[in-house]
Amino acid sequence: MRKEHQGWTMFKVWLFSPRLAVWGEGMVESLIFGLIALGMWRAVLE
């Protein structure tokens, strides 16, 4: 729950700070890429 709240605060800061928005976008992209890679690895291991 606390982690979610922290994420929400980060999201609000992200909305109001263009410089942070660029950094946040990179983080989201790398997270999505990581999840896709993880899914591919799981498919390979199965």
N, C-alpha and C. Protein backbone atom coordinates (compact mmCIF):
# COMPACT_ATOMS: atom_id res chain seq x y z
N MET A 1 0.85 -1.20 0.00
CA MET A 1 0.00 0.00 0.00
C MET A 1 0.88 1.25 0.00
N ARG A 2 1.90 1.23 0.82
CA ARG A 2 2.79 2.39 0.92
C ARG A 2 3.53 2.60 -0.41
N LYS A 3 3.89 1.51 -1.04
CA LYS A 3 4.59 1.60 -2.32
C LYS A 3 3.68 2.23 -3.37
N GLU A 4 2.41 1.86 -3.35
CA GLU A 4 1.45 2.44 -4.30
C GLU A 4 1.32 3.94 -4.08
N HIS A 5 1.27 4.35 -2.81
CA HIS A 5 1.15 5.77 -2.48
C HIS A 5 2.38 6.52 -2.98
N GLN A 6 3.54 5.92 -2.81
CA GLN A 6 4.79 6.53 -3.27
C GLN A 6 4.74 6.68 -4.79
N GLY A 7 4.23 5.65 -5.46
CA GLY A 7 4.12 5.69 -6.91
C GLY A 7 3.17 6.80 -7.36
N TRP A 8 2.08 6.99 -6.62
CA TRP A 8 1.10 8.02 -6.94
C TRP A 8 1.72 9.40 -6.78
N THR A 9 2.51 9.58 -5.71
CA THR A 9 3.19 10.86 -5.49
C THR A 9 4.16 11.12 -6.63
N MET A 10 4.90 10.08 -7.03
CA MET A 10 5.84 10.21 -8.14
C MET A 10 5.10 10.60 -9.41
N PHE A 11 3.93 10.00 -9.62
CA PHE A 11 3.13 10.28 -10.81
C PHE A 11 2.70 11.74 -10.82
N LYS A 12 2.28 12.27 -9.66
CA LYS A 12 1.85 13.67 -9.58
C LYS A 12 3.02 14.60 -9.86
N VAL A 13 4.19 14.27 -9.31
CA VAL A 13 5.39 15.08 -9.56
C VAL A 13 5.72 15.03 -11.05
N TRP A 14 5.60 13.82 -11.62
CA TRP A 14 5.90 13.59 -13.02
C TRP A 14 5.02 14.45 -13.92
N LEU A 15 3.76 14.61 -13.55
CA LEU A 15 2.83 15.42 -14.34
C LEU A 15 3.24 16.88 -14.37
N PHE A 16 3.84 17.35 -13.27
CA PHE A 16 4.15 18.78 -13.17
C PHE A 16 5.59 19.13 -13.53
N SER A 17 6.42 18.13 -13.80
CA SER A 17 7.82 18.40 -14.11
C SER A 17 8.22 17.79 -15.45
N PRO A 18 8.37 18.61 -16.48
CA PRO A 18 8.72 18.12 -17.82
C PRO A 18 10.03 17.33 -17.83
N ARG A 19 11.02 17.79 -17.07
CA ARG A 19 12.31 17.11 -17.05
C ARG A 19 12.15 15.71 -16.45
N LEU A 20 11.35 15.63 -15.37
CA LEU A 20 11.08 14.33 -14.73
C LEU A 20 10.25 13.46 -15.66
N ALA A 21 9.40 14.08 -16.47
CA ALA A 21 8.54 13.34 -17.38
C ALA A 21 9.37 12.53 -18.37
N VAL A 22 10.44 13.14 -18.88
CA VAL A 22 11.32 12.46 -19.83
C VAL A 22 11.97 11.26 -19.15
N TRP A 23 12.45 11.48 -17.91
CA TRP A 23 13.09 10.40 -17.15
C TRP A 23 12.08 9.30 -16.84
N GLY A 24 10.86 9.72 -16.48
CA GLY A 24 9.80 8.76 -16.16
C GLY A 24 9.41 7.93 -17.36
N GLU A 25 9.36 8.57 -18.53
CA GLU A 25 9.02 7.85 -19.76
C GLU A 25 10.04 6.77 -20.04
N GLY A 26 11.32 7.11 -19.87
CA GLY A 26 12.38 6.13 -20.07
C GLY A 26 12.23 4.96 -19.12
N MET A 27 11.85 5.25 -17.87
CA MET A 27 11.66 4.21 -16.87
C MET A 27 10.51 3.28 -17.26
N VAL A 28 9.40 3.89 -17.71
CA VAL A 28 8.23 3.10 -18.11
C VAL A 28 8.58 2.21 -19.30
N GLU A 29 9.30 2.78 -20.26
CA GLU A 29 9.70 2.01 -21.44
C GLU A 29 10.58 0.84 -21.07
N SER A 30 11.57 1.08 -20.19
CA SER A 30 12.47 0.01 -19.79
C SER A 30 11.72 -1.05 -18.98
N LEU A 31 10.72 -0.61 -18.19
CA LEU A 31 9.92 -1.56 -17.41
C LEU A 31 9.12 -2.46 -18.33
N ILE A 32 8.47 -1.86 -19.35
CA ILE A 32 7.68 -2.63 -20.31
C ILE A 32 8.59 -3.60 -21.07
N PHE A 33 9.76 -3.10 -21.49
CA PHE A 33 10.72 -3.94 -22.20
C PHE A 33 11.16 -5.10 -21.33
N GLY A 34 11.41 -4.81 -20.04
CA GLY A 34 11.81 -5.85 -19.09
C GLY A 34 10.73 -6.91 -18.93
N LEU A 35 9.47 -6.47 -18.86
CA LEU A 35 8.36 -7.42 -18.71
C LEU A 35 8.22 -8.30 -19.94
N ILE A 36 8.41 -7.71 -21.12
CA ILE A 36 8.33 -8.48 -22.37
C ILE A 36 9.46 -9.50 -22.41
N ALA A 37 10.67 -9.06 -22.05
CA ALA A 37 11.83 -9.96 -22.03
C ALA A 37 11.61 -11.10 -21.05
N LEU A 38 11.05 -10.77 -19.88
CA LEU A 38 10.76 -11.79 -18.86
C LEU A 38 9.74 -12.79 -19.39
N GLY A 39 8.71 -12.29 -20.06
CA GLY A 39 7.69 -13.16 -20.63
C GLY A 39 8.27 -14.08 -21.69
N MET A 40 9.19 -13.55 -22.51
CA MET A 40 9.83 -14.36 -23.54
C MET A 40 10.68 -15.45 -22.90
N TRP A 41 11.42 -15.08 -21.84
CA TRP A 41 12.27 -16.05 -21.14
C TRP A 41 11.43 -17.16 -20.54
N ARG A 42 10.29 -16.80 -19.96
CA ARG A 42 9.41 -17.80 -19.35
C ARG A 42 8.88 -18.75 -20.42
N ALA A 43 8.55 -18.20 -21.59
CA ALA A 43 8.06 -19.03 -22.69
C ALA A 43 9.15 -19.99 -23.16
N VAL A 44 10.39 -19.50 -23.20
CA VAL A 44 11.52 -20.33 -23.64
C VAL A 44 11.78 -21.43 -22.62
N LEU A 45 11.73 -21.08 -21.32
CA LEU A 45 12.01 -22.06 -20.27
C LEU A 45 10.92 -23.12 -20.18
N GLU A 46 9.70 -22.77 -20.54
CA GLU A 46 8.61 -23.75 -20.52
C GLU A 46 8.71 -24.61 -21.78
